[in-house]
Amino acid sequence: MDLVRLEPAGLYCAAGNFYIDPWRPVDRAIITHAHSDHASAGHHHYLVSAEGEHVARWRLGMAAHIETLAYGETTSINGVRVSLHPAGHILGSAQVRLEHGGETWVVSGDYKTQPDPTCSPFEPVRCDVFITESTFGLPIYRWRDPREVFGEVSDWWRANREAGRATVVYAYSLGKAQRVMMGVDASIGPIYTHGAVEGLNTAYRASGVALPATKRVSELERGHDFRGALIVAPPSAQSTTWLRRFGEYADAFASGWMQIRGVRRRRAVDRGITLSDHADWPGLLSAIEGTGAQRVLVTHGYSEPIVRWLNERGTDAGTLRTAFTGEASGEEAGSAGETSSVEAGKKETGGAEAAAIEVDANVPATVQ
């Protein structure tokens, strides 16, 4: 029997009697990272990386029974040796290594191989079986150097400042928003945030991440002059009355999906920033190769092209259909008091983006 199998509640390790990122309440859960499609409330016991404790508590609540494990440290759960290793996705993201009965499995969670100063970098982990994400598992997805991307974003912000406009960037509140703030030239002007973003900034700073100075928009006096400022907000803030306070502004959406022209058009923003916290096609292939795995199970995203590519080269690969959604998953919009037009806990969905990709790229309909 496989060391990890798919059960109605999620990925289950029967030998250790625990789940990895379960989507239904269970007794014991190992959480790869704090995004809502991987970390859900209601489990009795949680195990997370020590780096991710603060963001996990932000997601799950202070009352949650959370244990932590440093990267590379090993523990035993009912005879299964378990260790967590950096995934490079967001702060605290981890790959889960399981060893039992002479076999080693690794569950990747979400990951990226590009450098990111807000979290520990991805590390390949040798294993026999690798369960990998494939959010951007098509050859068309090849990310540019983030230094170039952020250089262009900074130039755009500077131009908006000189034109007397505010600059608004929509970015998922956990991970993407902090990466944007760390990447731009913070000397250009003040950085203000939506409440959903600022709450997570607090968790990042408590974890030792040196974010630039920011201030919550709701703490500013009525009539504040936002010209020249950068405002970072979750995607759910787009097209809401919350934006009226900024006067004239230019806006952008930061996502890997922005590489597709149709998605940029449907988002109806002034600028698309192609920036993802997931591996691109070369990153996925290099990560898989780095594991040395003879068997690969591919989940969420464009899984079939990866499976086909691996099978053609002699690797035993198959698709594992889970409830994970990758970058299509949403983040909380913020507290109810932040704005009456953005409800607390409102989710962003990726259905439109997935559909646009299928049309524009003329690829098989493999989004799960």
Protein backbone atom coordinates (compact mmCIF):
# COMPACT_ATOMS: atom_id res chain seq x y z
CA MET A 1 0.00 0.00 0.00
CA ASP A 2 1.23 3.51 -0.83
CA LEU A 3 2.70 5.47 2.07
CA VAL A 4 0.44 8.40 1.09
CA ARG A 5 -2.97 7.92 -0.46
CA LEU A 6 -5.93 10.12 -1.29
CA GLU A 7 -8.87 9.88 1.14
CA PRO A 8 -12.09 11.94 1.28
CA ALA A 9 -10.47 14.19 3.91
CA GLY A 10 -7.25 14.65 1.94
CA LEU A 11 -3.76 13.17 1.60
CA TYR A 12 -3.47 10.43 4.24
CA CYS A 13 -0.50 8.55 5.65
CA ALA A 14 -2.05 5.40 7.10
CA ALA A 15 1.20 4.17 8.67
CA GLY A 16 1.44 7.34 10.75
CA ASN A 17 -2.29 8.00 11.00
CA PHE A 18 -2.03 11.64 9.94
CA TYR A 19 -3.01 13.85 7.01
CA ILE A 20 -1.15 16.41 4.95
CA ASP A 21 -3.11 19.61 4.18
CA PRO A 22 -6.50 17.94 4.75
CA TRP A 23 -9.60 19.78 3.59
CA ARG A 24 -11.93 18.14 6.11
CA PRO A 25 -11.48 18.14 9.92
CA VAL A 26 -9.08 15.42 11.15
CA ASP A 27 -7.24 14.58 14.36
CA ARG A 28 -3.66 15.24 13.18
CA ALA A 29 -2.65 17.43 10.25
CA ILE A 30 0.72 18.42 8.81
CA ILE A 31 0.32 21.79 7.06
CA THR A 32 2.66 22.73 4.21
CA HIS A 33 1.76 26.44 4.31
CA ALA A 34 -0.93 28.87 5.44
CA HIS A 35 -2.85 29.53 2.22
CA SER A 36 -6.54 28.76 2.64
CA ASP A 37 -6.63 25.77 0.28
CA HIS A 38 -3.91 24.03 2.33
CA ALA A 39 -4.51 25.26 5.89
CA SER A 40 -8.06 24.97 7.19
CA ALA A 41 -9.49 25.30 10.67
CA GLY A 42 -11.06 22.48 12.65
CA HIS A 43 -8.22 19.96 13.05
CA HIS A 44 -7.28 18.84 16.56
CA HIS A 45 -3.50 18.92 16.15
CA TYR A 46 -1.33 20.80 13.66
CA LEU A 47 2.32 20.47 12.71
CA VAL A 48 3.87 23.41 10.81
CA SER A 49 7.36 24.70 10.11
CA ALA A 50 8.84 26.89 12.83
CA GLU A 51 9.32 29.64 10.24
CA GLY A 52 5.59 29.60 9.50
CA GLU A 53 4.21 29.60 13.05
CA HIS A 54 3.10 33.25 13.10
CA VAL A 55 1.31 33.14 9.74
CA ALA A 56 -0.23 29.77 10.67
CA ARG A 57 -1.64 31.27 13.86
CA TRP A 58 -2.96 34.21 11.86
CA ARG A 59 -4.79 31.72 9.64
CA LEU A 60 -5.89 29.18 12.25
CA GLY A 61 -6.35 31.28 15.38
CA MET A 62 -4.44 31.53 18.64
CA ALA A 63 -6.47 28.69 20.19
CA ALA A 64 -5.35 26.13 17.58
CA HIS A 65 -3.09 23.35 18.94
CA ILE A 66 0.00 24.00 16.80
CA GLU A 67 3.35 22.26 17.10
CA THR A 68 6.37 23.39 15.09
CA LEU A 69 9.36 21.70 13.51
CA ALA A 70 12.50 23.46 12.30
CA TYR A 71 13.50 22.86 8.70
CA GLY A 72 15.54 19.65 8.50
CA GLU A 73 14.63 18.52 12.02
CA THR A 74 13.17 15.01 12.24
CA THR A 75 10.34 13.71 14.40
CA SER A 76 8.56 10.36 14.55
CA ILE A 77 4.79 10.02 14.27
CA ASN A 78 3.63 6.48 14.97
CA GLY A 79 6.84 5.10 13.53
CA VAL A 80 6.96 7.34 10.43
CA ARG A 81 9.99 9.64 10.29
CA VAL A 82 8.80 13.12 9.34
CA SER A 83 10.81 16.21 8.43
CA LEU A 84 9.97 19.56 6.85
CA HIS A 85 12.09 21.27 4.19
CA PRO A 86 11.88 24.74 2.58
CA ALA A 87 9.50 25.06 -0.36
CA GLY A 88 10.23 28.71 -1.23
CA HIS A 89 6.53 29.42 -1.84
CA ILE A 90 5.74 31.85 1.00
CA LEU A 91 6.97 32.40 4.54
CA GLY A 92 7.01 29.05 6.34
CA SER A 93 6.10 26.93 3.32
CA ALA A 94 7.42 23.40 3.61
CA GLN A 95 7.85 20.17 1.74
CA VAL A 96 6.95 17.16 3.86
CA ARG A 97 9.41 14.26 3.82
CA LEU A 98 8.13 10.88 5.05
CA GLU A 99 10.28 7.81 5.62
CA HIS A 100 8.83 4.40 6.49
CA GLY A 101 9.44 0.77 5.55
CA GLY A 102 12.56 1.58 3.55
CA GLU A 103 10.73 4.05 1.29
CA THR A 104 10.86 7.85 1.20
CA TRP A 105 8.06 10.11 -0.03
CA VAL A 106 8.04 13.89 -0.36
CA VAL A 107 4.87 16.00 -0.61
CA SER A 108 5.89 19.33 -2.13
CA GLY A 109 2.96 21.54 -1.20
CA ASP A 110 3.21 24.69 -3.30
CA TYR A 111 6.71 25.82 -4.21
CA LYS A 112 8.82 28.12 -6.35
CA THR A 113 12.46 28.03 -7.29
CA GLN A 114 12.99 31.79 -7.83
CA PRO A 115 14.71 33.79 -5.06
CA ASP A 116 12.43 35.55 -2.59
CA PRO A 117 13.76 37.57 0.38
CA THR A 118 10.56 37.00 2.38
CA CYS A 119 11.04 33.23 2.87
CA SER A 120 13.62 30.45 2.91
CA PRO A 121 14.62 29.25 -0.58
CA PHE A 122 13.44 25.98 -2.09
CA GLU A 123 15.63 22.96 -1.42
CA PRO A 124 15.34 19.74 -3.47
CA VAL A 125 14.82 16.67 -1.29
CA ARG A 126 15.85 13.22 -2.52
CA CYS A 127 13.06 10.65 -2.42
CA ASP A 128 11.55 7.59 -4.07
CA VAL A 129 8.12 9.15 -4.70
CA PHE A 130 7.47 12.86 -5.22
CA ILE A 131 4.00 14.46 -5.03
CA THR A 132 4.35 17.77 -6.85
CA GLU A 133 2.10 20.70 -7.63
CA SER A 134 1.80 21.88 -11.25
CA THR A 135 -0.10 25.18 -11.09
CA PHE A 136 1.85 26.54 -14.06
CA GLY A 137 2.71 23.22 -15.68
CA LEU A 138 2.85 24.41 -19.29
CA PRO A 139 5.94 25.33 -21.35
CA ILE A 140 4.52 28.83 -21.96
CA TYR A 141 5.15 29.71 -18.33
CA ARG A 142 8.72 30.93 -17.91
CA TRP A 143 9.24 33.65 -15.33
CA ARG A 144 11.53 36.59 -15.86
CA ASP A 145 14.18 37.60 -13.36
CA PRO A 146 12.23 39.20 -10.47
CA ARG A 147 14.79 42.00 -10.29
CA GLU A 148 13.77 43.08 -13.77
CA VAL A 149 10.07 42.81 -12.91
CA PHE A 150 10.42 44.89 -9.75
CA GLY A 151 12.60 47.40 -11.55
CA GLU A 152 9.78 48.00 -14.04
CA VAL A 153 7.19 48.20 -11.28
CA SER A 154 9.31 50.78 -9.44
CA ASP A 155 9.71 52.83 -12.63
CA TRP A 156 5.93 52.72 -13.14
CA TRP A 157 5.27 53.79 -9.55
CA ARG A 158 7.77 56.64 -9.93
CA ALA A 159 6.07 57.80 -13.14
CA ASN A 160 2.69 57.76 -11.40
CA ARG A 161 4.11 59.83 -8.55
CA GLU A 162 5.46 62.42 -10.99
CA ALA A 163 2.04 62.54 -12.66
CA GLY A 164 0.34 63.15 -9.30
CA ARG A 165 -1.37 59.75 -9.14
CA ALA A 166 -1.51 57.05 -6.51
CA THR A 167 -0.38 53.53 -7.43
CA VAL A 168 -2.51 50.54 -6.42
CA VAL A 169 -1.21 46.98 -6.68
CA TYR A 170 -3.57 44.05 -6.12
CA ALA A 171 -1.71 41.08 -4.67
CA TYR A 172 -2.75 38.13 -2.54
CA SER A 173 -2.48 39.24 1.06
CA LEU A 174 -0.33 36.30 2.19
CA GLY A 175 3.00 36.02 0.42
CA LYS A 176 2.53 37.96 -2.80
CA ALA A 177 1.83 41.30 -1.12
CA GLN A 178 4.91 41.05 1.10
CA ARG A 179 7.05 40.03 -1.85
CA VAL A 180 5.89 43.11 -3.78
CA MET A 181 6.71 45.42 -0.87
CA MET A 182 10.16 43.89 -0.46
CA GLY A 183 10.87 44.03 -4.19
CA VAL A 184 10.02 47.62 -5.08
CA ASP A 185 12.14 50.70 -4.38
CA ALA A 186 10.59 51.85 -1.10
CA SER A 187 12.36 55.22 -1.31
CA ILE A 188 9.96 56.35 -4.04
CA GLY A 189 7.15 57.16 -1.60
CA PRO A 190 5.03 55.96 1.31
CA ILE A 191 3.50 52.46 1.24
CA TYR A 192 -0.04 52.01 2.52
CA THR A 193 -1.92 48.75 2.92
CA HIS A 194 -5.37 47.24 3.10
CA GLY A 195 -6.15 45.76 6.51
CA ALA A 196 -5.88 42.18 5.21
CA VAL A 197 -2.34 42.88 4.05
CA GLU A 198 -1.25 44.79 7.14
CA GLY A 199 -2.40 42.02 9.46
CA LEU A 200 -0.08 39.64 7.68
CA ASN A 201 2.71 42.21 7.63
CA THR A 202 2.57 42.03 11.43
CA ALA A 203 2.99 38.24 11.28
CA TYR A 204 5.91 38.57 8.85
CA ARG A 205 7.68 41.11 11.02
CA ALA A 206 7.17 38.91 14.08
CA SER A 207 8.88 36.16 12.08
CA GLY A 208 11.94 38.33 11.46
CA VAL A 209 11.19 39.52 7.90
CA ALA A 210 12.40 43.13 7.50
CA LEU A 211 9.55 44.60 5.48
CA PRO A 212 9.66 48.30 4.60
CA ALA A 213 7.58 50.70 6.68
CA THR A 214 3.86 50.49 5.94
CA LYS A 215 0.66 51.95 7.34
CA ARG A 216 -2.92 50.71 7.22
CA VAL A 217 -5.15 52.88 5.02
CA SER A 218 -7.95 52.86 7.59
CA GLU A 219 -5.67 54.51 10.17
CA LEU A 220 -5.22 57.63 8.04
CA GLU A 221 -7.33 60.74 8.44
CA ARG A 222 -10.20 61.41 6.06
CA GLY A 223 -9.00 63.45 3.09
CA HIS A 224 -5.42 62.14 3.27
CA ASP A 225 -3.41 62.92 0.15
CA PHE A 226 -2.41 59.61 -1.47
CA ARG A 227 -0.68 61.11 -4.51
CA GLY A 228 2.69 59.44 -5.04
CA ALA A 229 1.94 56.61 -2.64
CA LEU A 230 1.87 52.87 -3.25
CA ILE A 231 -1.22 51.08 -1.96
CA VAL A 232 -1.09 47.27 -1.68
CA ALA A 233 -4.48 45.55 -1.48
CA PRO A 234 -5.97 42.07 -1.98
CA PRO A 235 -7.59 41.32 -5.35
CA SER A 236 -11.06 41.45 -3.79
CA ALA A 237 -10.63 45.20 -3.23
CA GLN A 238 -10.69 45.86 -6.98
CA SER A 239 -13.76 47.75 -8.27
CA THR A 240 -15.01 48.55 -4.76
CA THR A 241 -15.86 51.86 -3.09
CA TRP A 242 -12.78 51.41 -0.87
CA LEU A 243 -10.70 52.75 -3.78
CA ARG A 244 -12.50 56.11 -4.01
CA ARG A 245 -10.44 57.66 -1.22
CA PHE A 246 -7.28 57.53 -3.35
CA GLY A 247 -8.43 60.04 -5.95
CA GLU A 248 -6.71 59.55 -9.29
CA TYR A 249 -4.80 56.28 -9.33
CA ALA A 250 -3.31 53.69 -11.67
CA ASP A 251 -3.69 50.03 -10.76
CA ALA A 252 -2.02 46.70 -11.46
CA PHE A 253 -2.56 43.05 -10.65
CA ALA A 254 0.37 40.85 -9.59
CA SER A 255 0.00 37.20 -10.59
CA GLY A 256 1.56 34.52 -12.73
CA TRP A 257 -1.65 34.51 -14.76
CA MET A 258 -0.77 38.02 -15.98
CA GLN A 259 1.52 36.40 -18.54
CA ILE A 260 -1.63 35.61 -20.54
CA ARG A 261 -3.02 38.53 -22.53
CA GLY A 262 -6.65 37.50 -22.10
CA VAL A 263 -6.34 37.43 -18.33
CA ARG A 264 -4.84 40.93 -18.24
CA ARG A 265 -7.73 42.15 -20.38
CA ARG A 266 -10.37 40.50 -18.20
CA ARG A 267 -8.83 41.91 -15.03
CA ALA A 268 -9.36 45.43 -16.42
CA VAL A 269 -6.30 46.95 -14.76
CA ASP A 270 -3.81 49.44 -16.10
CA ARG A 271 -0.92 47.05 -15.80
CA GLY A 272 -0.32 43.33 -15.37
CA ILE A 273 2.64 42.29 -13.22
CA THR A 274 3.74 38.76 -14.05
CA LEU A 275 4.86 37.55 -10.65
CA SER A 276 4.15 34.12 -9.23
CA ASP A 277 4.89 32.30 -6.00
CA HIS A 278 4.77 29.00 -7.91
CA ALA A 279 7.38 27.31 -10.05
CA ASP A 280 7.28 27.89 -13.79
CA TRP A 281 7.74 25.07 -16.33
CA PRO A 282 11.57 24.97 -16.07
CA GLY A 283 11.33 25.26 -12.30
CA LEU A 284 8.94 22.32 -12.05
CA LEU A 285 11.13 20.12 -14.21
CA SER A 286 14.33 21.03 -12.35
CA ALA A 287 12.66 20.47 -8.97
CA ILE A 288 11.37 17.05 -10.02
CA GLU A 289 14.78 16.08 -11.42
CA GLY A 290 16.45 17.21 -8.20
CA THR A 291 14.47 14.71 -6.15
CA GLY A 292 15.74 11.72 -8.13
CA ALA A 293 12.27 10.21 -7.73
CA GLN A 294 11.40 7.18 -9.82
CA ARG A 295 7.69 7.84 -9.35
CA VAL A 296 5.98 11.24 -9.53
CA LEU A 297 2.38 12.12 -8.71
CA VAL A 298 1.23 15.48 -10.06
CA THR A 299 -1.55 17.54 -8.54
CA HIS A 300 -3.52 20.77 -9.08
CA GLY A 301 -3.00 22.89 -12.14
CA TYR A 302 -1.84 21.78 -15.57
CA SER A 303 -0.91 18.27 -14.45
CA GLU A 304 -1.36 16.31 -17.69
CA PRO A 305 1.44 18.02 -19.67
CA ILE A 306 3.90 17.33 -16.82
CA VAL A 307 2.74 13.71 -16.55
CA ARG A 308 3.06 13.18 -20.29
CA TRP A 309 6.51 14.79 -20.39
CA LEU A 310 7.75 12.59 -17.55
CA ASN A 311 6.26 9.38 -18.92
CA GLU A 312 7.86 9.98 -22.30
CA ARG A 313 11.23 10.14 -20.55
CA GLY A 314 10.83 6.96 -18.57
CA THR A 315 9.54 8.25 -15.23
CA ASP A 316 6.49 6.57 -13.73
CA ALA A 317 4.14 9.57 -13.44
CA GLY A 318 0.43 9.98 -12.83
CA THR A 319 -2.16 12.57 -11.84
CA LEU A 320 -3.44 12.97 -8.30
CA ARG A 321 -6.65 14.99 -8.23
CA THR A 322 -6.86 16.99 -5.01
CA ALA A 323 -8.83 19.97 -3.73
CA PHE A 324 -5.81 22.27 -3.92
CA THR A 325 -6.08 25.20 -6.30
CA GLY A 326 -2.65 26.82 -6.46
CA GLU A 327 -2.55 30.49 -7.44
CA ALA A 328 -6.24 30.36 -8.32
CA SER A 329 -7.02 30.18 -4.60
CA GLY A 330 -8.18 33.29 -2.82
CA GLU A 331 -7.06 35.16 0.23
CA GLU A 332 -9.15 36.84 2.88
CA ALA A 333 -10.33 40.29 1.93
CA GLY A 334 -9.74 41.68 5.39
CA SER A 335 -11.62 42.58 8.52
CA ALA A 336 -15.26 43.59 8.35
CA GLY A 337 -14.34 47.06 9.57
CA GLU A 338 -11.87 47.72 6.75
CA THR A 339 -14.58 48.45 4.18
CA SER A 340 -18.28 47.83 3.93
CA SER A 341 -17.97 46.77 0.31
CA VAL A 342 -15.41 44.01 0.88
CA GLU A 343 -16.75 41.29 3.18
CA ALA A 344 -14.44 39.57 5.64
CA GLY A 345 -13.33 36.21 4.37
CA LYS A 346 -14.48 36.81 0.80
CA LYS A 347 -12.67 34.52 -1.63
CA GLU A 348 -11.12 35.28 -4.97
CA THR A 349 -11.59 32.53 -7.54
CA GLY A 350 -9.38 31.57 -10.44
CA GLY A 351 -12.02 30.16 -12.76
CA ALA A 352 -11.96 33.06 -15.20
CA GLU A 353 -8.18 33.01 -15.31
CA ALA A 354 -8.11 29.27 -16.02
CA ALA A 355 -10.68 29.61 -18.78
CA ALA A 356 -8.80 32.49 -20.36
CA ILE A 357 -5.59 30.49 -20.38
CA GLU A 358 -7.24 27.59 -22.16
CA VAL A 359 -8.63 29.89 -24.86
CA ASP A 360 -5.60 32.09 -25.36
CA ALA A 361 -2.92 29.42 -25.17
CA ASN A 362 -4.94 26.82 -27.12
CA VAL A 363 -3.97 24.08 -24.69
CA PRO A 364 -5.94 21.06 -23.44
CA ALA A 365 -8.53 21.69 -20.76
CA THR A 366 -6.51 20.19 -17.89
CA VAL A 367 -7.13 22.66 -15.11
CA GLN A 368 -8.43 20.66 -12.17
